[in-house]
């Protein structure tokens, strides 16, 4: 809920943020539960929840795709003028004002290029959603324990990538002020 409450970061200040957290938690929880079930010899339980795990993962993907689509259409509310308080029409940042890094420059700048962000966006969707759904369908059709374990491993990596993207994609208004490193 803390991210949905931070109004100045438009990408987070939306009900889909909370919905996505809940659905990602449910999807990954069900996949983890199924993987643990097959590891402990409870294959029947894993088979019983496979459909729910696949459906929840698909629903999580759908709502995350809605959030991605919404975020791609956002227009920044802040400009360098509003971030610095300077009313001039032309403001050029020459230096961030530090001789070394600071919390702001370490925690809010990921340093990734637009190409990395685009690839990460596709990558986390494949790893967190698409592949686990395919693997869960495989588990449902064959009862394969390996499918559950692969789904767990792949989805875990995908969710880590999704969380990184969630933070990296956000337009932190303070980055306008610290945009240049001299």
N, C-alpha and C. Protein backbone atom coordinates (compact mmCIF):
# COMPACT_ATOMS: atom_id res chain seq x y z
N UNK A 1 0.82 -1.21 0.00
CA UNK A 1 0.00 0.00 0.00
C UNK A 1 0.85 1.26 0.00
N UNK A 2 2.08 1.19 0.51
CA UNK A 2 2.89 2.40 0.59
C UNK A 2 3.14 2.98 -0.80
N UNK A 3 3.34 2.12 -1.78
CA UNK A 3 3.62 2.63 -3.13
C UNK A 3 2.40 3.28 -3.74
N UNK A 4 1.23 2.71 -3.53
CA UNK A 4 0.00 3.30 -4.05
C UNK A 4 -0.31 4.63 -3.39
N UNK A 5 0.25 4.87 -2.20
CA UNK A 5 -0.01 6.12 -1.47
C UNK A 5 0.94 7.25 -1.85
N UNK A 6 2.01 6.94 -2.55
CA UNK A 6 3.00 7.97 -2.92
C UNK A 6 2.47 8.66 -4.18
N UNK A 7 1.75 9.74 -3.98
CA UNK A 7 1.03 10.41 -5.07
C UNK A 7 1.94 11.06 -6.11
N UNK A 8 3.14 11.46 -5.73
CA UNK A 8 3.98 12.17 -6.69
C UNK A 8 4.69 11.23 -7.68
N UNK A 9 4.61 9.93 -7.46
CA UNK A 9 5.11 8.98 -8.46
C UNK A 9 3.88 8.38 -9.13
N UNK A 10 3.56 8.93 -10.28
CA UNK A 10 2.32 8.60 -10.98
C UNK A 10 2.20 7.12 -11.31
N UNK A 11 3.31 6.48 -11.63
CA UNK A 11 3.27 5.07 -12.00
C UNK A 11 2.77 4.20 -10.86
N UNK A 12 2.98 4.64 -9.62
CA UNK A 12 2.58 3.85 -8.46
C UNK A 12 1.25 4.28 -7.88
N UNK A 13 0.88 5.52 -8.05
CA UNK A 13 -0.31 6.09 -7.39
C UNK A 13 -1.57 5.70 -8.14
N UNK A 14 -1.88 4.42 -8.10
CA UNK A 14 -3.06 3.91 -8.83
C UNK A 14 -3.50 2.61 -8.17
N UNK A 15 -4.80 2.32 -8.17
CA UNK A 15 -5.28 1.07 -7.55
C UNK A 15 -4.66 -0.20 -8.15
N UNK A 16 -4.22 -0.15 -9.40
CA UNK A 16 -3.61 -1.34 -10.00
C UNK A 16 -2.33 -1.76 -9.28
N UNK A 17 -1.67 -0.82 -8.63
CA UNK A 17 -0.46 -1.17 -7.88
C UNK A 17 -0.79 -2.17 -6.78
N UNK A 18 -1.84 -1.90 -6.04
CA UNK A 18 -2.25 -2.80 -4.96
C UNK A 18 -2.77 -4.12 -5.53
N UNK A 19 -3.57 -4.04 -6.57
CA UNK A 19 -4.10 -5.25 -7.21
C UNK A 19 -2.95 -6.13 -7.70
N UNK A 20 -1.94 -5.51 -8.32
CA UNK A 20 -0.81 -6.29 -8.83
C UNK A 20 -0.02 -6.95 -7.71
N UNK A 21 0.19 -6.24 -6.60
CA UNK A 21 0.89 -6.84 -5.47
C UNK A 21 0.14 -8.07 -4.97
N UNK A 22 -1.17 -7.95 -4.81
CA UNK A 22 -1.97 -9.07 -4.30
C UNK A 22 -1.93 -10.25 -5.28
N UNK A 23 -2.15 -9.97 -6.56
CA UNK A 23 -2.18 -11.06 -7.54
C UNK A 23 -0.81 -11.70 -7.75
N UNK A 24 0.26 -10.91 -7.75
CA UNK A 24 1.61 -11.49 -7.85
C UNK A 24 1.89 -12.37 -6.64
N UNK A 25 1.47 -11.91 -5.47
CA UNK A 25 1.65 -12.70 -4.26
C UNK A 25 0.87 -14.01 -4.31
N UNK A 26 -0.37 -13.94 -4.76
CA UNK A 26 -1.19 -15.16 -4.86
C UNK A 26 -0.62 -16.12 -5.91
N UNK A 27 -0.26 -15.59 -7.07
CA UNK A 27 0.27 -16.44 -8.14
C UNK A 27 1.57 -17.11 -7.71
N UNK A 28 2.50 -16.32 -7.18
CA UNK A 28 3.78 -16.91 -6.77
C UNK A 28 3.60 -17.83 -5.56
N UNK A 29 2.67 -17.51 -4.69
CA UNK A 29 2.39 -18.37 -3.55
C UNK A 29 1.84 -19.73 -3.96
N UNK A 30 0.92 -19.71 -4.92
CA UNK A 30 0.37 -20.98 -5.40
C UNK A 30 1.41 -21.82 -6.12
N UNK A 31 2.25 -21.17 -6.92
CA UNK A 31 3.31 -21.91 -7.62
C UNK A 31 4.31 -22.48 -6.61
N UNK A 32 4.67 -21.68 -5.63
CA UNK A 32 5.59 -22.15 -4.58
C UNK A 32 4.97 -23.32 -3.82
N UNK A 33 3.70 -23.19 -3.49
CA UNK A 33 2.99 -24.25 -2.76
C UNK A 33 2.98 -25.55 -3.57
N UNK A 34 2.70 -25.44 -4.86
CA UNK A 34 2.70 -26.62 -5.72
C UNK A 34 4.08 -27.26 -5.84
N UNK A 35 5.11 -26.41 -5.95
CA UNK A 35 6.48 -26.94 -6.04
C UNK A 35 6.87 -27.65 -4.74
N UNK A 36 6.51 -27.05 -3.61
CA UNK A 36 6.80 -27.69 -2.33
C UNK A 36 6.01 -28.99 -2.17
N UNK A 37 4.79 -28.99 -2.67
CA UNK A 37 3.96 -30.20 -2.59
C UNK A 37 4.60 -31.35 -3.36
N UNK A 38 5.08 -31.09 -4.57
CA UNK A 38 5.69 -32.20 -5.33
C UNK A 38 7.01 -32.64 -4.69
N UNK A 39 7.72 -31.71 -4.05
CA UNK A 39 8.97 -32.08 -3.37
C UNK A 39 8.72 -32.96 -2.16
N UNK A 40 7.57 -32.80 -1.53
CA UNK A 40 7.25 -33.59 -0.33
C UNK A 40 6.35 -34.79 -0.63
N UNK A 41 6.17 -35.08 -1.89
CA UNK A 41 5.38 -36.25 -2.27
C UNK A 41 3.88 -36.04 -2.28
N UNK A 42 3.44 -34.82 -2.28
CA UNK A 42 2.00 -34.50 -2.30
C UNK A 42 1.56 -34.09 -3.70
N UNK A 43 1.84 -34.93 -4.67
CA UNK A 43 1.52 -34.64 -6.06
C UNK A 43 0.04 -34.43 -6.32
N UNK A 44 -0.81 -35.11 -5.55
CA UNK A 44 -2.25 -34.95 -5.73
C UNK A 44 -2.69 -33.53 -5.35
N UNK A 45 -2.09 -33.00 -4.28
CA UNK A 45 -2.42 -31.63 -3.88
C UNK A 45 -1.94 -30.65 -4.96
N UNK A 46 -0.74 -30.87 -5.46
CA UNK A 46 -0.21 -30.01 -6.53
C UNK A 46 -1.13 -30.05 -7.74
N UNK A 47 -1.60 -31.23 -8.10
CA UNK A 47 -2.51 -31.36 -9.24
C UNK A 47 -3.81 -30.60 -8.99
N UNK A 48 -4.26 -30.59 -7.73
CA UNK A 48 -5.51 -29.92 -7.39
C UNK A 48 -5.40 -28.40 -7.51
N UNK A 49 -4.22 -27.85 -7.27
CA UNK A 49 -4.09 -26.39 -7.32
C UNK A 49 -3.46 -25.87 -8.62
N UNK A 50 -3.09 -26.76 -9.51
CA UNK A 50 -2.42 -26.35 -10.76
C UNK A 50 -3.28 -25.39 -11.57
N UNK A 51 -4.55 -25.68 -11.70
CA UNK A 51 -5.44 -24.80 -12.46
C UNK A 51 -5.55 -23.42 -11.82
N UNK A 52 -5.64 -23.41 -10.49
CA UNK A 52 -5.71 -22.12 -9.78
C UNK A 52 -4.42 -21.33 -9.95
N UNK A 53 -3.30 -22.02 -9.89
CA UNK A 53 -2.01 -21.35 -10.05
C UNK A 53 -1.89 -20.74 -11.45
N UNK A 54 -2.30 -21.51 -12.46
CA UNK A 54 -2.23 -21.00 -13.84
C UNK A 54 -3.19 -19.83 -14.04
N UNK A 55 -4.41 -19.96 -13.54
CA UNK A 55 -5.41 -18.90 -13.70
C UNK A 55 -4.99 -17.63 -12.97
N UNK A 56 -4.47 -17.77 -11.76
CA UNK A 56 -4.04 -16.60 -11.00
C UNK A 56 -2.84 -15.93 -11.66
N UNK A 57 -1.93 -16.72 -12.20
CA UNK A 57 -0.77 -16.16 -12.92
C UNK A 57 -1.24 -15.42 -14.16
N UNK A 58 -2.21 -15.97 -14.87
CA UNK A 58 -2.75 -15.29 -16.06
C UNK A 58 -3.45 -13.98 -15.68
N UNK A 59 -4.22 -14.02 -14.59
CA UNK A 59 -4.90 -12.80 -14.14
C UNK A 59 -3.88 -11.74 -13.69
N UNK A 60 -2.82 -12.18 -13.00
CA UNK A 60 -1.77 -11.25 -12.58
C UNK A 60 -1.09 -10.62 -13.80
N UNK A 61 -0.88 -11.42 -14.83
CA UNK A 61 -0.27 -10.90 -16.07
C UNK A 61 -1.18 -9.87 -16.71
N UNK A 62 -2.47 -10.16 -16.75
CA UNK A 62 -3.44 -9.24 -17.35
C UNK A 62 -3.44 -7.89 -16.63
N UNK A 63 -3.51 -7.92 -15.30
CA UNK A 63 -3.55 -6.65 -14.56
C UNK A 63 -2.21 -5.92 -14.63
N UNK A 64 -1.10 -6.66 -14.66
CA UNK A 64 0.21 -6.01 -14.79
C UNK A 64 0.33 -5.38 -16.18
N UNK A 65 -0.21 -6.04 -17.20
CA UNK A 65 -0.20 -5.47 -18.55
C UNK A 65 -1.04 -4.20 -18.60
N UNK A 66 -2.17 -4.18 -17.89
CA UNK A 66 -2.97 -2.96 -17.82
C UNK A 66 -2.18 -1.82 -17.19
N UNK A 67 -1.44 -2.12 -16.12
CA UNK A 67 -0.62 -1.09 -15.46
C UNK A 67 0.49 -0.62 -16.39
N UNK A 68 1.12 -1.53 -17.11
CA UNK A 68 2.18 -1.14 -18.05
C UNK A 68 1.63 -0.23 -19.14
N UNK A 69 0.46 -0.58 -19.64
CA UNK A 69 -0.17 0.24 -20.68
C UNK A 69 -0.51 1.63 -20.14
N UNK A 70 -1.06 1.68 -18.94
CA UNK A 70 -1.39 2.97 -18.31
C UNK A 70 -0.14 3.80 -18.11
N UNK A 71 0.90 3.19 -17.57
CA UNK A 71 2.13 3.92 -17.27
C UNK A 71 2.82 4.45 -18.53
N UNK A 72 2.69 3.73 -19.62
CA UNK A 72 3.31 4.18 -20.88
C UNK A 72 2.65 5.45 -21.41
N UNK A 73 1.42 5.70 -21.02
CA UNK A 73 0.68 6.87 -21.50
C UNK A 73 0.77 8.08 -20.58
N UNK A 74 1.41 7.94 -19.43
CA UNK A 74 1.49 9.05 -18.47
C UNK A 74 2.36 10.19 -18.99
N UNK A 75 1.95 11.38 -18.68
CA UNK A 75 2.74 12.58 -18.98
C UNK A 75 3.29 13.11 -17.66
N UNK A 76 4.60 13.42 -17.61
CA UNK A 76 5.17 13.91 -16.34
C UNK A 76 4.50 15.19 -15.86
N UNK A 77 4.24 15.25 -14.55
CA UNK A 77 3.65 16.45 -13.96
C UNK A 77 4.74 17.45 -13.57
N UNK A 78 5.94 16.95 -13.36
CA UNK A 78 7.04 17.80 -12.93
C UNK A 78 7.96 18.12 -14.09
N UNK A 79 8.60 19.26 -13.98
CA UNK A 79 9.62 19.68 -14.94
C UNK A 79 10.81 20.18 -14.12
N UNK A 80 11.92 20.42 -14.79
CA UNK A 80 13.10 20.91 -14.07
C UNK A 80 12.78 22.20 -13.33
N UNK A 81 11.92 23.02 -13.91
CA UNK A 81 11.54 24.29 -13.25
C UNK A 81 10.82 24.02 -11.92
N UNK A 82 9.88 23.10 -11.91
CA UNK A 82 9.15 22.83 -10.67
C UNK A 82 10.02 22.07 -9.66
N UNK A 83 10.96 21.28 -10.15
CA UNK A 83 11.83 20.54 -9.24
C UNK A 83 12.83 21.45 -8.54
N UNK A 84 13.27 22.50 -9.25
CA UNK A 84 14.26 23.41 -8.67
C UNK A 84 13.66 24.68 -8.10
N UNK A 85 12.44 25.00 -8.50
CA UNK A 85 11.81 26.24 -8.05
C UNK A 85 12.22 27.45 -8.88
N UNK A 86 12.93 27.22 -9.98
CA UNK A 86 13.37 28.30 -10.86
C UNK A 86 12.31 28.48 -11.95
N UNK A 87 11.82 29.70 -12.11
CA UNK A 87 10.70 29.96 -13.01
C UNK A 87 11.12 30.23 -14.46
N UNK A 88 12.39 30.32 -14.75
CA UNK A 88 12.87 30.62 -16.09
C UNK A 88 12.39 29.56 -17.08
N UNK A 89 12.17 29.97 -18.32
CA UNK A 89 11.71 29.02 -19.33
C UNK A 89 12.82 28.07 -19.76
N UNK A 90 14.06 28.51 -19.63
CA UNK A 90 15.19 27.65 -20.01
C UNK A 90 16.08 27.44 -18.80
N UNK A 91 16.10 26.22 -18.31
CA UNK A 91 16.94 25.86 -17.18
C UNK A 91 17.82 24.70 -17.64
N UNK A 92 19.14 24.86 -17.46
CA UNK A 92 20.08 23.82 -17.86
C UNK A 92 20.87 23.41 -16.63
N UNK A 93 20.87 22.13 -16.34
CA UNK A 93 21.62 21.61 -15.20
C UNK A 93 23.04 21.30 -15.65
N UNK A 94 24.01 21.86 -14.96
CA UNK A 94 25.41 21.65 -15.31
C UNK A 94 26.07 20.69 -14.32
N UNK A 95 25.68 20.76 -13.06
CA UNK A 95 26.27 19.94 -12.03
C UNK A 95 25.20 19.57 -11.01
N UNK A 96 25.34 18.39 -10.41
CA UNK A 96 24.38 17.99 -9.39
C UNK A 96 24.71 18.60 -8.05
N UNK A 97 25.84 19.25 -7.91
CA UNK A 97 26.16 19.96 -6.68
C UNK A 97 26.88 19.14 -5.63
N UNK A 98 27.34 17.95 -5.97
CA UNK A 98 28.08 17.13 -5.02
C UNK A 98 29.44 16.79 -5.59
N UNK A 99 30.42 16.62 -4.72
CA UNK A 99 31.72 16.14 -5.19
C UNK A 99 31.73 14.63 -5.25
N UNK A 100 30.78 14.00 -4.61
CA UNK A 100 30.63 12.54 -4.63
C UNK A 100 29.17 12.19 -4.67
N UNK A 101 28.89 10.91 -4.67
CA UNK A 101 27.51 10.46 -4.71
C UNK A 101 26.77 10.76 -3.41
N UNK A 102 25.48 10.65 -3.46
CA UNK A 102 24.63 10.85 -2.30
C UNK A 102 23.54 9.78 -2.31
N UNK A 103 22.73 9.76 -1.27
CA UNK A 103 21.62 8.81 -1.22
C UNK A 103 20.73 8.95 -2.45
N UNK A 104 20.41 10.20 -2.79
CA UNK A 104 19.53 10.44 -3.94
C UNK A 104 20.12 9.92 -5.24
N UNK A 105 21.41 10.11 -5.43
CA UNK A 105 22.00 9.68 -6.69
C UNK A 105 22.27 8.18 -6.71
N UNK A 106 22.40 7.54 -5.57
CA UNK A 106 22.61 6.09 -5.53
C UNK A 106 21.29 5.32 -5.58
N UNK A 107 20.27 5.80 -4.90
CA UNK A 107 19.04 5.04 -4.74
C UNK A 107 18.00 5.26 -5.83
N UNK A 108 18.06 6.37 -6.53
CA UNK A 108 17.01 6.67 -7.50
C UNK A 108 17.47 6.63 -8.95
N UNK A 109 18.75 6.43 -9.17
CA UNK A 109 19.27 6.33 -10.53
C UNK A 109 19.71 4.90 -10.79
N UNK A 110 19.08 4.25 -11.73
CA UNK A 110 19.45 2.86 -12.03
C UNK A 110 20.52 2.80 -13.09
N UNK A 111 20.67 3.85 -13.89
CA UNK A 111 21.72 3.90 -14.90
C UNK A 111 21.46 3.03 -16.12
N UNK A 112 20.31 2.40 -16.19
CA UNK A 112 20.00 1.53 -17.33
C UNK A 112 19.53 2.35 -18.52
N UNK A 113 19.86 1.88 -19.71
CA UNK A 113 19.43 2.55 -20.93
C UNK A 113 17.97 2.21 -21.23
N UNK A 114 17.40 2.93 -22.17
CA UNK A 114 16.02 2.63 -22.59
C UNK A 114 15.92 1.21 -23.17
N UNK A 115 16.97 0.78 -23.86
CA UNK A 115 16.96 -0.57 -24.43
C UNK A 115 16.92 -1.63 -23.32
N UNK A 116 17.67 -1.42 -22.26
CA UNK A 116 17.65 -2.36 -21.12
C UNK A 116 16.26 -2.40 -20.50
N UNK A 117 15.64 -1.23 -20.34
CA UNK A 117 14.28 -1.19 -19.77
C UNK A 117 13.28 -1.93 -20.67
N UNK A 118 13.38 -1.71 -21.98
CA UNK A 118 12.47 -2.42 -22.90
C UNK A 118 12.66 -3.93 -22.82
N UNK A 119 13.92 -4.36 -22.81
CA UNK A 119 14.21 -5.80 -22.73
C UNK A 119 13.76 -6.38 -21.40
N UNK A 120 13.95 -5.64 -20.32
CA UNK A 120 13.54 -6.11 -19.01
C UNK A 120 12.01 -6.24 -18.94
N UNK A 121 11.32 -5.32 -19.59
CA UNK A 121 9.85 -5.36 -19.61
C UNK A 121 9.36 -6.63 -20.29
N UNK A 122 9.97 -6.98 -21.40
CA UNK A 122 9.59 -8.22 -22.10
C UNK A 122 10.05 -9.42 -21.28
N UNK A 123 11.27 -9.35 -20.77
CA UNK A 123 11.85 -10.47 -20.03
C UNK A 123 11.05 -10.84 -18.80
N UNK A 124 10.65 -9.85 -18.01
CA UNK A 124 9.90 -10.22 -16.80
C UNK A 124 8.53 -10.76 -17.14
N UNK A 125 7.93 -10.31 -18.23
CA UNK A 125 6.62 -10.86 -18.59
C UNK A 125 6.74 -12.32 -19.03
N UNK A 126 7.81 -12.64 -19.73
CA UNK A 126 8.03 -14.03 -20.15
C UNK A 126 8.33 -14.90 -18.93
N UNK A 127 9.23 -14.42 -18.08
CA UNK A 127 9.66 -15.23 -16.92
C UNK A 127 8.62 -15.32 -15.81
N UNK A 128 7.94 -14.23 -15.51
CA UNK A 128 7.01 -14.23 -14.39
C UNK A 128 5.63 -14.78 -14.77
N UNK A 129 5.28 -14.68 -16.05
CA UNK A 129 3.91 -15.03 -16.44
C UNK A 129 3.83 -16.10 -17.53
N UNK A 130 4.38 -15.82 -18.71
CA UNK A 130 4.18 -16.71 -19.86
C UNK A 130 4.75 -18.11 -19.63
N UNK A 131 6.03 -18.20 -19.29
CA UNK A 131 6.64 -19.53 -19.08
C UNK A 131 6.01 -20.29 -17.92
N UNK A 132 5.76 -19.64 -16.78
CA UNK A 132 5.09 -20.40 -15.71
C UNK A 132 3.72 -20.94 -16.12
N UNK A 133 2.96 -20.18 -16.89
CA UNK A 133 1.66 -20.68 -17.34
C UNK A 133 1.84 -21.91 -18.21
N UNK A 134 2.79 -21.86 -19.15
CA UNK A 134 3.06 -23.01 -20.01
C UNK A 134 3.50 -24.21 -19.17
N UNK A 135 4.39 -23.97 -18.22
CA UNK A 135 4.88 -25.06 -17.37
C UNK A 135 3.77 -25.62 -16.48
N UNK A 136 2.89 -24.77 -16.00
CA UNK A 136 1.76 -25.25 -15.18
C UNK A 136 0.79 -26.07 -16.03
N UNK A 137 0.59 -25.66 -17.27
CA UNK A 137 -0.26 -26.46 -18.16
C UNK A 137 0.38 -27.82 -18.43
N UNK A 138 1.70 -27.81 -18.57
CA UNK A 138 2.44 -29.07 -18.74
C UNK A 138 2.26 -29.94 -17.49
N UNK A 139 2.37 -29.35 -16.31
CA UNK A 139 2.19 -30.09 -15.06
C UNK A 139 0.78 -30.66 -14.98
N UNK A 140 -0.21 -29.88 -15.40
CA UNK A 140 -1.59 -30.34 -15.37
C UNK A 140 -1.80 -31.52 -16.32
N UNK A 141 -1.16 -31.46 -17.47
CA UNK A 141 -1.34 -32.51 -18.48
C UNK A 141 -0.58 -33.78 -18.19
N UNK A 142 0.58 -33.65 -17.56
CA UNK A 142 1.44 -34.82 -17.38
C UNK A 142 1.66 -35.21 -15.93
N UNK A 143 1.39 -34.29 -15.00
CA UNK A 143 1.68 -34.55 -13.59
C UNK A 143 3.16 -34.49 -13.28
N UNK A 144 3.93 -33.89 -14.15
CA UNK A 144 5.38 -33.83 -14.01
C UNK A 144 5.82 -32.95 -12.84
N UNK A 145 6.55 -33.50 -11.88
CA UNK A 145 7.10 -32.68 -10.79
C UNK A 145 8.11 -31.65 -11.32
N UNK A 146 8.84 -32.02 -12.37
CA UNK A 146 9.85 -31.11 -12.94
C UNK A 146 9.20 -29.83 -13.45
N UNK A 147 7.99 -29.95 -13.97
CA UNK A 147 7.28 -28.76 -14.48
C UNK A 147 7.01 -27.78 -13.34
N UNK A 148 6.61 -28.30 -12.19
CA UNK A 148 6.37 -27.43 -11.02
C UNK A 148 7.64 -26.75 -10.57
N UNK A 149 8.72 -27.51 -10.51
CA UNK A 149 9.99 -26.95 -10.04
C UNK A 149 10.53 -25.91 -11.02
N UNK A 150 10.39 -26.18 -12.30
CA UNK A 150 10.80 -25.19 -13.30
C UNK A 150 9.92 -23.95 -13.24
N UNK A 151 8.63 -24.14 -13.07
CA UNK A 151 7.71 -23.01 -12.97
C UNK A 151 8.08 -22.14 -11.78
N UNK A 152 8.41 -22.77 -10.65
CA UNK A 152 8.82 -22.02 -9.47
C UNK A 152 10.10 -21.23 -9.73
N UNK A 153 11.11 -21.88 -10.29
CA UNK A 153 12.40 -21.23 -10.54
C UNK A 153 12.26 -20.07 -11.52
N UNK A 154 11.56 -20.31 -12.61
CA UNK A 154 11.40 -19.29 -13.65
C UNK A 154 10.58 -18.11 -13.11
N UNK A 155 9.48 -18.41 -12.42
CA UNK A 155 8.64 -17.33 -11.91
C UNK A 155 9.37 -16.51 -10.84
N UNK A 156 10.17 -17.16 -10.03
CA UNK A 156 10.94 -16.42 -9.01
C UNK A 156 11.88 -15.42 -9.66
N UNK A 157 12.58 -15.84 -10.70
CA UNK A 157 13.45 -14.92 -11.44
C UNK A 157 12.65 -13.81 -12.09
N UNK A 158 11.51 -14.17 -12.65
CA UNK A 158 10.66 -13.18 -13.30
C UNK A 158 10.13 -12.14 -12.34
N UNK A 159 9.77 -12.55 -11.14
CA UNK A 159 9.25 -11.59 -10.16
C UNK A 159 10.36 -10.67 -9.67
N UNK A 160 11.56 -11.20 -9.52
CA UNK A 160 12.69 -10.33 -9.18
C UNK A 160 12.90 -9.28 -10.27
N UNK A 161 12.84 -9.70 -11.52
CA UNK A 161 12.99 -8.76 -12.64
C UNK A 161 11.82 -7.77 -12.67
N UNK A 162 10.62 -8.24 -12.38
CA UNK A 162 9.45 -7.35 -12.37
C UNK A 162 9.58 -6.30 -11.29
N UNK A 163 10.06 -6.69 -10.11
CA UNK A 163 10.23 -5.72 -9.02
C UNK A 163 11.29 -4.68 -9.38
N UNK A 164 12.39 -5.11 -10.01
CA UNK A 164 13.41 -4.15 -10.44
C UNK A 164 12.79 -3.17 -11.44
N UNK A 165 12.05 -3.70 -12.40
CA UNK A 165 11.43 -2.85 -13.41
C UNK A 165 10.42 -1.89 -12.79
N UNK A 166 9.66 -2.36 -11.82
CA UNK A 166 8.68 -1.52 -11.13
C UNK A 166 9.34 -0.27 -10.57
N UNK A 167 10.50 -0.43 -9.95
CA UNK A 167 11.20 0.72 -9.37
C UNK A 167 11.92 1.53 -10.44
N UNK A 168 12.52 0.85 -11.41
CA UNK A 168 13.29 1.56 -12.45
C UNK A 168 12.39 2.35 -13.39
N UNK A 169 11.19 1.86 -13.64
CA UNK A 169 10.28 2.52 -14.57
C UNK A 169 9.71 3.81 -14.00
N UNK A 170 9.62 3.90 -12.70
CA UNK A 170 8.99 5.06 -12.08
C UNK A 170 9.78 6.34 -12.36
N UNK A 171 9.06 7.39 -12.64
CA UNK A 171 9.67 8.70 -12.87
C UNK A 171 9.72 9.44 -11.53
N UNK A 172 10.84 9.33 -10.88
CA UNK A 172 11.02 10.00 -9.59
C UNK A 172 11.26 11.49 -9.84
N UNK A 173 10.39 12.37 -9.36
CA UNK A 173 10.55 13.80 -9.63
C UNK A 173 11.90 14.36 -9.17
N UNK A 174 12.46 13.81 -8.10
CA UNK A 174 13.74 14.31 -7.63
C UNK A 174 14.86 14.08 -8.64
N UNK A 175 14.69 13.12 -9.56
CA UNK A 175 15.71 12.88 -10.57
C UNK A 175 15.87 14.06 -11.52
N UNK A 176 14.83 14.89 -11.64
CA UNK A 176 14.95 16.08 -12.47
C UNK A 176 16.02 17.01 -11.90
N UNK A 177 16.06 17.13 -10.61
CA UNK A 177 17.02 18.03 -9.97
C UNK A 177 18.44 17.47 -10.08
N UNK A 178 18.59 16.15 -9.95
CA UNK A 178 19.92 15.53 -9.97
C UNK A 178 20.22 14.90 -11.30
N UNK A 179 19.73 15.46 -12.38
CA UNK A 179 19.86 14.80 -13.68
C UNK A 179 21.27 14.81 -14.25
N UNK A 180 22.10 15.76 -13.90
CA UNK A 180 23.43 15.85 -14.49
C UNK A 180 24.49 15.54 -13.46
N UNK A 181 25.46 14.75 -13.86
CA UNK A 181 26.61 14.48 -13.00
C UNK A 181 27.81 15.13 -13.66
N UNK A 182 28.38 16.12 -12.98
CA UNK A 182 29.51 16.85 -13.57
C UNK A 182 30.82 16.17 -13.28
